[in-house]
Amino acid sequence: MEKLRSFFFQNTNTKQTILKNTFWLFLSETTGRLLKMGLIIYAARVLGSSGWGIFSYAISIASLLTMFADIGISDLVVREITQKKAGHQTFISTALLLKMIVLVISTFLVIFVSPYISHIPQANSLFFLVALILFFDSMRELGLSINRASEKMERDMVVKITTNASIFILGVLLLKTKLSPESIAIAYALGSAIGFLSIAIIIRKELRALLAKVDTKIFKIIIKTTWPFVLITLIGVIMGNIDIYMLGIWKNAGEIGLYSSVQRIQQFIMILPSTIAMAVFPLMSRLVNVNKKQFRVILEKTLSVIMLAGIPISLGGILLAEQLILKVFGQGYVDAIPIFRVLMLMLLISFPLVLLSNAIFAHNKQRSLAPAYSLGILANILFNLLLIPKFGAVGAAVATLVSTGTITIFIWRRLKIINDFEILLNLKKSFLATPIMICFIFIFKYFEVGVILNIVLSALIYFSTLLLLKESIFKDLKEVVRG
């Protein structure tokens, strides 16, 4: 019992810290997102694709207007806390103040500007509530970033489960009281506020210390440090929401609902690589200026783990798309199946993207990310213009696939120049295990095994095959657990 307590609640060595933090982040993200995903499925079913599309459209409009709310300060704070450079406390205090100022301005933009750029009038009544959602979400994520710098990710779980459980319970109750997009918006706003209060209480001592040395004279230095990340964030927000906004120009709320519903599944799956990347980022930030060889080892092994999971998830999702969408959302979402297949294909290129971007940011080379993301957003807008009018939501998904691929290839090549790495050799056993898994997926489909059971059994077969092939990652995990 003492050994388990030490493993899950203390940082003892590099591998154990990464695994412990990944475990807590993944558990908190998965449990929290499952609660939220349950509400999304329920809301999408009872509101229909049009009702769900109206809420999703309002969120996308607001996200576009708050794109400057995250100006790279969250990751900057983590890096500064872990690297502890001279004057870092003043730098962090001032950065946090700047973040809050920008966030307040962005919130007012959502409230007062959104109705003038909306193409779906039914969404206009939601913008005040959506502004509150994004404000509290941003404040909560800032608090979680501060907490992650201490590498105590177990505290994330308390906050995320509290937040999403509140949203789930309130959402179901309010939708049963009044079946409308406003009900789901109120539930999200109240749940987000509860989540923010939770992390504020947990980190109150750290926050008091971090805000103790504000110096507004260094605003300019902070902006100069973060402007490349501002551009990256801006482009990321545009790419994540421009599809829905442009669908609103040429299509209707129903088409938006189809796209948004399956997009949420894809975003849920992205918890895995994002969680691993977040858990490793503080360690990479420390190693980058101390031991570049060890940095490369950590990068290669982490990237290999991400891709070992990403390959079967992507291909399995493509093969089981029809059964999964009909099982989750019902017959009314049958037109979302081809959209989902495109988004599942995109996982192959989006899985490594977060880690690669974090690795470049840890090197303080974030300026080199700007061309990649600029090219990506141009590709996204261009392909949306070409494809959405004719193909609707499927065209939007293809545009996202092309633009994400463009960004990933660019960043991959850039990082190899900064600190050369190799992972293909680490994936050769996955290339053997994946065809075996695919064969069993077809066998289970032929015998009409339920889609959820098919997913579970196919995943077990995949990882059992890797184990039989003596995949090295299992050896690493065993060593960490043994301490």
Protein backbone atom coordinates (compact mmCIF):
# COMPACT_ATOMS: atom_id res chain seq x y z
CA MET A 1 0.00 0.00 0.00
CA GLU A 2 2.82 2.37 0.85
CA LYS A 3 4.50 1.61 -2.47
CA LEU A 4 1.29 2.41 -4.36
CA ARG A 5 0.85 5.63 -2.40
CA SER A 6 4.42 6.64 -3.21
CA PHE A 7 3.99 5.80 -6.90
CA PHE A 8 0.73 7.71 -7.40
CA PHE A 9 1.31 10.73 -5.13
CA GLN A 10 5.08 11.44 -5.16
CA ASN A 11 7.68 12.29 -7.82
CA THR A 12 10.62 9.91 -7.37
CA ASN A 13 12.33 9.65 -10.78
CA THR A 14 11.90 10.74 -14.39
CA LYS A 15 10.02 7.73 -15.75
CA GLN A 16 7.81 7.40 -12.67
CA THR A 17 6.93 11.11 -12.73
CA ILE A 18 5.94 10.96 -16.41
CA LEU A 19 3.85 7.83 -15.89
CA LYS A 20 2.23 9.15 -12.71
CA ASN A 21 1.36 12.48 -14.28
CA THR A 22 0.09 10.81 -17.45
CA PHE A 23 -2.05 8.47 -15.37
CA TRP A 24 -3.69 11.27 -13.39
CA LEU A 25 -4.11 13.56 -16.38
CA PHE A 26 -5.56 10.78 -18.51
CA LEU A 27 -7.86 9.58 -15.73
CA SER A 28 -9.10 13.10 -14.99
CA GLU A 29 -9.51 14.00 -18.65
CA THR A 30 -11.19 10.71 -19.54
CA THR A 31 -13.56 10.65 -16.57
CA GLY A 32 -14.44 14.32 -17.00
CA ARG A 33 -14.87 14.10 -20.76
CA LEU A 34 -16.95 10.92 -20.44
CA LEU A 35 -19.36 12.84 -18.23
CA LYS A 36 -19.42 15.72 -20.71
CA MET A 37 -19.66 13.32 -23.65
CA GLY A 38 -22.65 11.67 -22.00
CA LEU A 39 -24.38 15.03 -21.85
CA ILE A 40 -23.43 15.83 -25.46
CA ILE A 41 -24.92 12.54 -26.66
CA TYR A 42 -28.08 13.09 -24.62
CA ALA A 43 -28.42 16.71 -25.79
CA ALA A 44 -27.72 15.82 -29.44
CA ARG A 45 -30.40 13.14 -29.31
CA VAL A 46 -33.14 15.14 -27.58
CA LEU A 47 -32.44 18.48 -29.31
CA GLY A 48 -31.83 16.92 -32.72
CA SER A 49 -29.09 17.98 -35.11
CA SER A 50 -30.60 21.48 -35.53
CA GLY A 51 -30.91 22.27 -31.81
CA TRP A 52 -27.44 20.92 -31.09
CA GLY A 53 -26.12 22.79 -34.13
CA ILE A 54 -27.40 26.12 -32.79
CA PHE A 55 -25.49 25.67 -29.51
CA SER A 56 -22.34 24.52 -31.32
CA TYR A 57 -22.54 27.48 -33.69
CA ALA A 58 -22.76 29.94 -30.78
CA ILE A 59 -19.70 28.34 -29.16
CA SER A 60 -17.73 28.58 -32.41
CA ILE A 61 -18.58 32.26 -32.95
CA ALA A 62 -17.54 33.05 -29.38
CA SER A 63 -14.33 31.06 -29.71
CA LEU A 64 -13.35 33.05 -32.79
CA LEU A 65 -13.89 36.30 -30.90
CA THR A 66 -11.89 35.11 -27.88
CA MET A 67 -8.99 33.81 -29.96
CA PHE A 68 -6.65 36.33 -28.30
CA ALA A 69 -7.73 35.30 -24.80
CA ASP A 70 -5.00 32.64 -24.70
CA ILE A 71 -1.90 34.48 -25.83
CA GLY A 72 0.46 31.65 -24.94
CA ILE A 73 0.71 32.67 -21.31
CA SER A 74 -0.43 29.35 -19.84
CA ASP A 75 2.45 27.39 -21.40
CA LEU A 76 4.81 30.31 -20.78
CA VAL A 77 3.98 30.22 -17.05
CA VAL A 78 4.67 26.47 -16.91
CA ARG A 79 8.00 26.93 -18.65
CA GLU A 80 9.08 29.82 -16.42
CA ILE A 81 8.09 28.02 -13.20
CA THR A 82 9.98 24.86 -14.15
CA GLN A 83 13.09 26.60 -15.50
CA LYS A 84 13.26 29.16 -12.64
CA LYS A 85 15.24 31.80 -14.51
CA ALA A 86 16.39 35.02 -12.80
CA GLY A 87 13.41 37.29 -12.13
CA HIS A 88 10.95 34.57 -13.08
CA GLN A 89 8.48 35.40 -10.29
CA THR A 90 7.96 38.99 -11.47
CA PHE A 91 7.70 37.75 -15.05
CA ILE A 92 5.03 35.20 -14.09
CA SER A 93 3.02 37.64 -11.94
CA THR A 94 2.88 40.20 -14.72
CA ALA A 95 2.04 37.56 -17.33
CA LEU A 96 -0.92 36.37 -15.25
CA LEU A 97 -2.23 39.91 -14.91
CA LEU A 98 -1.92 40.45 -18.67
CA LYS A 99 -3.80 37.20 -19.29
CA MET A 100 -6.70 38.35 -17.10
CA ILE A 101 -6.91 41.74 -18.82
CA VAL A 102 -7.03 40.16 -22.28
CA LEU A 103 -9.61 37.63 -21.14
CA VAL A 104 -11.98 40.31 -19.79
CA ILE A 105 -11.73 42.26 -23.06
CA SER A 106 -12.44 39.09 -25.05
CA THR A 107 -15.50 38.31 -22.95
CA PHE A 108 -17.03 41.72 -23.72
CA LEU A 109 -16.31 41.18 -27.42
CA VAL A 110 -18.37 37.98 -27.39
CA ILE A 111 -21.32 39.66 -25.70
CA PHE A 112 -21.49 42.75 -27.89
CA VAL A 113 -20.05 41.69 -31.29
CA SER A 114 -21.32 38.11 -31.78
CA PRO A 115 -24.90 39.04 -32.81
CA TYR A 116 -23.56 41.18 -35.66
CA ILE A 117 -21.49 38.41 -37.28
CA SER A 118 -23.87 35.51 -36.68
CA HIS A 119 -25.57 33.95 -39.72
CA ILE A 120 -27.98 31.90 -37.59
CA PRO A 121 -30.37 34.25 -35.70
CA GLN A 122 -31.47 31.50 -33.27
CA ALA A 123 -27.97 31.55 -31.74
CA ASN A 124 -28.09 35.23 -30.72
CA SER A 125 -29.83 34.60 -27.40
CA LEU A 126 -26.97 32.30 -26.30
CA PHE A 127 -23.99 34.64 -26.60
CA PHE A 128 -24.05 36.07 -23.06
CA LEU A 129 -24.09 32.56 -21.57
CA VAL A 130 -21.41 31.37 -23.99
CA ALA A 131 -19.20 34.34 -23.01
CA LEU A 132 -19.42 33.21 -19.37
CA ILE A 133 -18.58 29.63 -20.38
CA LEU A 134 -15.42 30.68 -22.20
CA PHE A 135 -14.37 33.10 -19.44
CA PHE A 136 -14.58 30.51 -16.67
CA ASP A 137 -13.07 27.80 -18.88
CA SER A 138 -10.05 30.00 -19.64
CA MET A 139 -9.57 30.92 -15.98
CA ARG A 140 -9.83 27.28 -14.95
CA GLU A 141 -7.29 26.17 -17.56
CA LEU A 142 -4.91 28.91 -16.42
CA GLY A 143 -5.18 27.60 -12.86
CA LEU A 144 -4.59 24.04 -14.03
CA SER A 145 -1.49 25.18 -15.93
CA ILE A 146 -0.07 26.64 -12.73
CA ASN A 147 -0.82 23.38 -10.96
CA ARG A 148 0.84 21.30 -13.71
CA ALA A 149 4.09 23.21 -13.28
CA SER A 150 4.37 21.61 -9.85
CA GLU A 151 3.81 18.21 -11.56
CA LYS A 152 1.00 17.31 -9.16
CA MET A 153 -1.44 16.25 -11.84
CA GLU A 154 -3.48 14.23 -9.35
CA ARG A 155 -5.12 17.55 -8.34
CA ASP A 156 -6.33 18.00 -11.93
CA MET A 157 -8.64 15.06 -11.45
CA VAL A 158 -10.55 16.71 -8.61
CA VAL A 159 -11.15 19.86 -10.65
CA LYS A 160 -12.09 18.21 -13.95
CA ILE A 161 -14.45 15.66 -12.45
CA THR A 162 -16.10 18.38 -10.32
CA THR A 163 -16.51 20.58 -13.40
CA ASN A 164 -17.86 17.97 -15.76
CA ALA A 165 -20.05 16.21 -13.19
CA SER A 166 -21.67 19.57 -12.47
CA ILE A 167 -22.21 20.23 -16.19
CA PHE A 168 -23.65 16.73 -16.70
CA ILE A 169 -26.08 16.84 -13.78
CA LEU A 170 -27.21 20.40 -14.46
CA GLY A 171 -27.52 19.72 -18.19
CA VAL A 172 -29.78 16.69 -17.81
CA LEU A 173 -31.97 18.44 -15.22
CA LEU A 174 -32.32 21.66 -17.22
CA LEU A 175 -33.01 19.85 -20.52
CA LYS A 176 -35.75 17.85 -18.82
CA THR A 177 -37.20 21.13 -17.52
CA LYS A 178 -36.94 22.98 -20.84
CA LEU A 179 -35.89 21.35 -24.11
CA SER A 180 -33.87 24.14 -25.74
CA PRO A 181 -30.24 25.14 -26.53
CA GLU A 182 -30.46 27.74 -23.71
CA SER A 183 -30.73 24.94 -21.14
CA ILE A 184 -27.47 23.32 -22.22
CA ALA A 185 -25.77 26.75 -22.29
CA ILE A 186 -26.83 27.51 -18.70
CA ALA A 187 -25.55 24.11 -17.55
CA TYR A 188 -22.16 24.68 -19.18
CA ALA A 189 -21.84 28.20 -17.69
CA LEU A 190 -22.66 27.10 -14.14
CA GLY A 191 -20.44 24.00 -14.36
CA SER A 192 -17.51 26.03 -15.71
CA ALA A 193 -17.87 28.53 -12.84
CA ILE A 194 -17.82 25.68 -10.31
CA GLY A 195 -14.66 24.28 -11.95
CA PHE A 196 -12.90 27.64 -11.78
CA LEU A 197 -13.73 28.02 -8.08
CA SER A 198 -12.38 24.51 -7.44
CA ILE A 199 -8.93 25.14 -8.91
CA ALA A 200 -8.80 28.64 -7.35
CA ILE A 201 -9.23 27.07 -3.91
CA ILE A 202 -6.64 24.35 -4.58
CA ILE A 203 -3.88 26.71 -5.80
CA ARG A 204 -4.76 29.71 -3.62
CA LYS A 205 -1.35 29.70 -1.89
CA GLU A 206 0.62 29.38 -5.14
CA LEU A 207 -1.57 32.03 -6.77
CA ARG A 208 -1.03 34.47 -3.92
CA ALA A 209 2.75 34.10 -4.30
CA LEU A 210 2.68 34.31 -8.10
CA LEU A 211 0.65 37.53 -8.09
CA ALA A 212 2.86 39.23 -5.51
CA LYS A 213 5.39 40.88 -7.85
CA VAL A 214 3.58 42.53 -10.75
CA ASP A 215 5.62 44.92 -12.91
CA THR A 216 3.59 46.39 -15.76
CA LYS A 217 6.79 47.71 -17.36
CA ILE A 218 7.55 44.23 -18.68
CA PHE A 219 4.23 43.85 -20.54
CA LYS A 220 6.15 44.61 -23.73
CA ILE A 221 8.73 41.88 -22.99
CA ILE A 222 5.99 39.32 -22.36
CA ILE A 223 4.16 40.21 -25.57
CA LYS A 224 7.44 39.99 -27.49
CA THR A 225 8.05 36.54 -25.98
CA THR A 226 4.57 35.24 -26.67
CA TRP A 227 3.64 36.83 -30.01
CA PRO A 228 4.63 33.77 -32.06
CA PHE A 229 2.44 31.70 -29.78
CA VAL A 230 -0.34 34.29 -30.17
CA LEU A 231 -0.26 33.64 -33.89
CA ILE A 232 -0.23 29.88 -33.36
CA THR A 233 -3.14 30.07 -30.91
CA LEU A 234 -5.05 32.40 -33.19
CA ILE A 235 -4.62 30.02 -36.10
CA GLY A 236 -5.51 27.02 -33.94
CA VAL A 237 -8.75 28.66 -32.82
CA ILE A 238 -9.59 29.65 -36.39
CA MET A 239 -8.95 26.11 -37.63
CA GLY A 240 -11.05 24.63 -34.83
CA ASN A 241 -14.05 26.90 -35.45
CA ILE A 242 -13.91 28.35 -38.95
CA ASP A 243 -15.44 25.16 -40.39
CA ILE A 244 -18.59 25.61 -38.33
CA TYR A 245 -18.76 29.35 -39.01
CA MET A 246 -18.42 28.79 -42.77
CA LEU A 247 -20.99 25.99 -42.65
CA GLY A 248 -23.33 28.59 -41.15
CA ILE A 249 -22.84 30.80 -44.21
CA TRP A 250 -23.75 28.16 -46.84
CA LYS A 251 -25.62 25.51 -44.86
CA ASN A 252 -27.99 25.32 -41.88
CA ALA A 253 -27.99 24.44 -38.17
CA GLY A 254 -28.76 20.79 -38.97
CA GLU A 255 -25.57 20.41 -41.04
CA ILE A 256 -23.60 22.11 -38.25
CA GLY A 257 -25.12 19.69 -35.73
CA LEU A 258 -23.98 16.68 -37.77
CA TYR A 259 -20.43 18.02 -38.05
CA SER A 260 -20.17 19.16 -34.43
CA SER A 261 -21.51 15.90 -32.98
CA VAL A 262 -18.85 13.66 -34.56
CA GLN A 263 -16.19 16.33 -34.05
CA ARG A 264 -16.79 15.95 -30.31
CA ILE A 265 -15.92 12.24 -30.52
CA GLN A 266 -12.70 13.10 -32.34
CA GLN A 267 -11.89 15.72 -29.70
CA PHE A 268 -12.58 13.17 -26.98
CA ILE A 269 -10.11 10.73 -28.54
CA MET A 270 -7.53 13.54 -28.70
CA ILE A 271 -7.44 13.45 -24.88
CA LEU A 272 -4.86 10.67 -25.12
CA PRO A 273 -2.04 12.45 -27.02
CA SER A 274 -2.83 15.79 -25.38
CA THR A 275 -2.63 14.29 -21.90
CA ILE A 276 0.68 12.59 -22.58
CA ALA A 277 2.09 15.78 -24.12
CA MET A 278 0.99 17.87 -21.10
CA ALA A 279 2.50 15.37 -18.66
CA VAL A 280 5.88 15.38 -20.44
CA PHE A 281 6.09 19.14 -21.12
CA PRO A 282 7.51 20.22 -17.71
CA LEU A 283 10.22 17.56 -17.98
CA MET A 284 11.10 18.55 -21.55
CA SER A 285 11.32 22.19 -20.46
CA ARG A 286 13.90 21.22 -17.82
CA LEU A 287 15.96 18.92 -20.03
CA VAL A 288 16.15 21.11 -23.12
CA ASN A 289 19.03 23.24 -21.81
CA VAL A 290 20.60 20.55 -19.63
CA ASN A 291 20.71 17.26 -21.51
CA LYS A 292 19.67 17.35 -25.18
CA LYS A 293 20.39 13.66 -25.64
CA GLN A 294 18.01 12.73 -22.82
CA PHE A 295 15.49 15.21 -24.26
CA ARG A 296 15.61 13.35 -27.58
CA VAL A 297 15.15 9.98 -25.86
CA ILE A 298 12.09 11.25 -23.99
CA LEU A 299 10.69 12.77 -27.19
CA GLU A 300 11.19 9.58 -29.24
CA LYS A 301 9.68 7.28 -26.63
CA THR A 302 6.73 9.56 -25.95
CA LEU A 303 6.03 10.06 -29.64
CA SER A 304 6.23 6.29 -30.18
CA VAL A 305 3.68 5.67 -27.41
CA ILE A 306 1.33 8.25 -28.94
CA MET A 307 1.55 6.67 -32.39
CA LEU A 308 1.27 3.11 -31.05
CA ALA A 309 -2.14 4.15 -29.77
CA GLY A 310 -3.08 6.46 -32.65
CA ILE A 311 -2.67 4.00 -35.51
CA PRO A 312 -5.22 1.39 -34.32
CA ILE A 313 -7.66 4.02 -33.04
CA SER A 314 -7.68 5.80 -36.41
CA LEU A 315 -8.07 2.69 -38.56
CA GLY A 316 -10.53 1.06 -36.17
CA GLY A 317 -12.65 4.22 -36.15
CA ILE A 318 -12.80 4.26 -39.95
CA LEU A 319 -13.90 0.63 -40.13
CA LEU A 320 -16.48 0.86 -37.34
CA ALA A 321 -17.81 4.35 -38.16
CA GLU A 322 -21.30 3.31 -39.24
CA GLN A 323 -22.07 1.11 -36.23
CA LEU A 324 -20.54 3.57 -33.78
CA ILE A 325 -22.40 6.69 -34.99
CA LEU A 326 -25.76 4.92 -35.16
CA LYS A 327 -25.18 3.41 -31.72
CA VAL A 328 -24.18 6.72 -30.12
CA PHE A 329 -26.37 9.33 -31.82
CA GLY A 330 -29.12 7.33 -33.49
CA GLN A 331 -30.57 7.09 -37.00
CA GLY A 332 -31.00 10.86 -37.24
CA TYR A 333 -27.23 11.22 -37.57
CA VAL A 334 -26.66 8.72 -40.38
CA ASP A 335 -25.33 11.51 -42.63
CA ALA A 336 -22.54 12.13 -40.09
CA ILE A 337 -20.86 8.78 -40.88
CA PRO A 338 -18.65 9.94 -43.81
CA ILE A 339 -17.70 13.06 -41.80
CA PHE A 340 -16.60 10.85 -38.93
CA ARG A 341 -14.47 8.67 -41.23
CA VAL A 342 -12.55 11.69 -42.49
CA LEU A 343 -11.95 12.91 -38.92
CA MET A 344 -10.73 9.44 -37.88
CA LEU A 345 -8.23 9.46 -40.75
CA MET A 346 -7.05 12.84 -39.48
CA LEU A 347 -6.04 11.27 -36.14
CA LEU A 348 -2.99 9.73 -37.83
CA ILE A 349 -1.56 13.20 -38.39
CA SER A 350 -3.07 15.11 -35.46
CA PHE A 351 -1.97 12.66 -32.73
CA PRO A 352 1.72 13.71 -32.79
CA LEU A 353 1.03 17.42 -33.38
CA VAL A 354 0.61 18.55 -29.75
CA LEU A 355 3.81 16.88 -28.59
CA LEU A 356 5.83 18.20 -31.55
CA SER A 357 4.59 21.76 -30.93
CA ASN A 358 5.39 21.48 -27.21
CA ALA A 359 8.89 20.19 -28.01
CA ILE A 360 9.60 23.21 -30.20
CA PHE A 361 8.15 25.55 -27.56
CA ALA A 362 10.40 23.95 -24.91
CA HIS A 363 13.38 24.86 -27.15
CA ASN A 364 12.09 28.47 -27.16
CA LYS A 365 11.80 28.20 -30.96
CA GLN A 366 8.09 29.01 -31.09
CA ARG A 367 8.66 31.58 -33.82
CA SER A 368 9.39 28.73 -36.20
CA LEU A 369 5.83 27.43 -35.64
CA ALA A 370 4.23 30.55 -37.11
CA PRO A 371 4.86 29.72 -40.81
CA ALA A 372 3.48 26.20 -40.34
CA TYR A 373 0.25 27.35 -38.75
CA SER A 374 -0.12 30.28 -41.16
CA LEU A 375 0.13 27.90 -44.10
CA GLY A 376 -2.32 25.56 -42.39
CA ILE A 377 -5.01 28.18 -41.87
CA LEU A 378 -4.70 29.40 -45.45
CA ALA A 379 -5.16 25.82 -46.67
CA ASN A 380 -8.12 25.38 -44.32
CA ILE A 381 -9.95 28.49 -45.51
CA LEU A 382 -9.19 27.81 -49.18
CA PHE A 383 -10.45 24.21 -49.07
CA ASN A 384 -13.50 25.26 -47.04
CA LEU A 385 -14.36 27.79 -49.76
CA LEU A 386 -13.95 25.12 -52.43
CA LEU A 387 -15.62 22.19 -50.68
CA ILE A 388 -18.32 23.41 -48.27
CA PRO A 389 -20.74 24.87 -50.86
CA LYS A 390 -20.90 21.53 -52.71
CA PHE A 391 -20.10 18.89 -50.09
CA GLY A 392 -21.19 20.57 -46.85
CA ALA A 393 -19.84 19.11 -43.62
CA VAL A 394 -17.89 16.37 -45.41
CA GLY A 395 -16.04 19.07 -47.33
CA ALA A 396 -15.30 20.91 -44.06
CA ALA A 397 -13.82 17.72 -42.61
CA VAL A 398 -11.60 17.20 -45.69
CA ALA A 399 -10.41 20.82 -45.44
CA THR A 400 -9.42 20.22 -41.82
CA LEU A 401 -7.61 17.00 -42.78
CA VAL A 402 -5.55 18.76 -45.46
CA SER A 403 -4.65 21.75 -43.29
CA THR A 404 -3.73 19.63 -40.25
CA GLY A 405 -1.52 17.44 -42.43
CA THR A 406 0.22 20.52 -43.79
CA ILE A 407 0.99 21.80 -40.28
CA THR A 408 2.17 18.44 -38.93
CA ILE A 409 4.57 17.80 -41.81
CA PHE A 410 6.06 21.30 -41.52
CA ILE A 411 6.55 21.08 -37.73
CA TRP A 412 7.89 17.51 -37.90
CA ARG A 413 10.59 18.58 -40.35
CA ARG A 414 11.41 21.70 -38.34
CA LEU A 415 11.88 19.76 -35.10
CA LYS A 416 14.18 17.26 -36.82
CA ILE A 417 16.41 20.21 -37.72
CA ILE A 418 16.39 21.54 -34.15
CA ASN A 419 16.92 18.17 -32.44
CA ASP A 420 16.94 15.19 -34.79
CA PHE A 421 14.75 12.26 -33.75
CA GLU A 422 13.54 8.96 -35.18
CA ILE A 423 10.42 6.88 -34.44
CA LEU A 424 9.68 4.69 -37.47
CA LEU A 425 11.88 1.90 -36.15
CA ASN A 426 9.96 2.05 -32.88
CA LEU A 427 6.68 1.46 -34.74
CA LYS A 428 7.58 -1.64 -36.77
CA LYS A 429 5.81 -3.95 -34.31
CA SER A 430 2.69 -1.80 -34.51
CA PHE A 431 2.76 -2.26 -38.30
CA LEU A 432 2.59 -6.02 -37.65
CA ALA A 433 -0.07 -5.87 -34.94
CA THR A 434 -2.43 -3.51 -36.79
CA PRO A 435 -3.34 -5.86 -39.73
CA ILE A 436 -4.08 -8.61 -37.22
CA MET A 437 -6.41 -6.27 -35.33
CA ILE A 438 -8.14 -5.24 -38.58
CA CYS A 439 -8.78 -8.88 -39.50
CA PHE A 440 -10.50 -9.47 -36.16
CA ILE A 441 -12.58 -6.29 -36.56
CA PHE A 442 -14.00 -7.74 -39.80
CA ILE A 443 -14.53 -11.15 -38.19
CA PHE A 444 -16.44 -9.59 -35.28
CA LYS A 445 -18.49 -7.49 -37.71
CA TYR A 446 -19.34 -10.59 -39.76
CA PHE A 447 -20.65 -12.36 -36.64
CA GLU A 448 -22.57 -9.18 -35.70
CA VAL A 449 -20.71 -8.56 -32.46
CA GLY A 450 -21.83 -5.25 -30.88
CA VAL A 451 -19.69 -2.26 -31.80
CA ILE A 452 -18.58 -1.48 -28.21
CA LEU A 453 -17.57 -5.10 -27.60
CA ASN A 454 -15.83 -5.15 -31.00
CA ILE A 455 -13.78 -2.10 -29.99
CA VAL A 456 -12.80 -3.64 -26.65
CA LEU A 457 -11.90 -7.06 -28.08
CA SER A 458 -9.98 -5.60 -31.04
CA ALA A 459 -7.98 -3.33 -28.73
CA LEU A 460 -7.13 -6.30 -26.49
CA ILE A 461 -5.97 -8.28 -29.52
CA TYR A 462 -3.81 -5.38 -30.73
CA PHE A 463 -2.04 -4.83 -27.43
CA SER A 464 -1.74 -8.58 -26.76
CA THR A 465 -0.02 -8.93 -30.13
CA LEU A 466 2.40 -6.13 -29.20
CA LEU A 467 3.07 -7.92 -25.92
CA LEU A 468 3.79 -11.20 -27.72
CA LEU A 469 6.11 -9.34 -30.09
CA LYS A 470 7.93 -8.01 -26.99
CA GLU A 471 7.25 -4.35 -27.71
CA SER A 472 9.85 -2.41 -25.69
CA ILE A 473 7.37 0.09 -24.28
CA PHE A 474 5.94 -2.63 -22.02
CA LYS A 475 9.40 -3.25 -20.61
CA ASP A 476 9.77 0.46 -19.85
CA LEU A 477 6.39 0.54 -18.12
CA LYS A 478 7.28 -2.56 -16.07
CA GLU A 479 10.53 -0.97 -14.91
CA VAL A 480 8.73 2.20 -13.85
CA VAL A 481 6.07 0.30 -11.88
CA ARG A 482 8.71 -1.78 -10.12
CA GLY A 483 10.58 1.45 -9.29
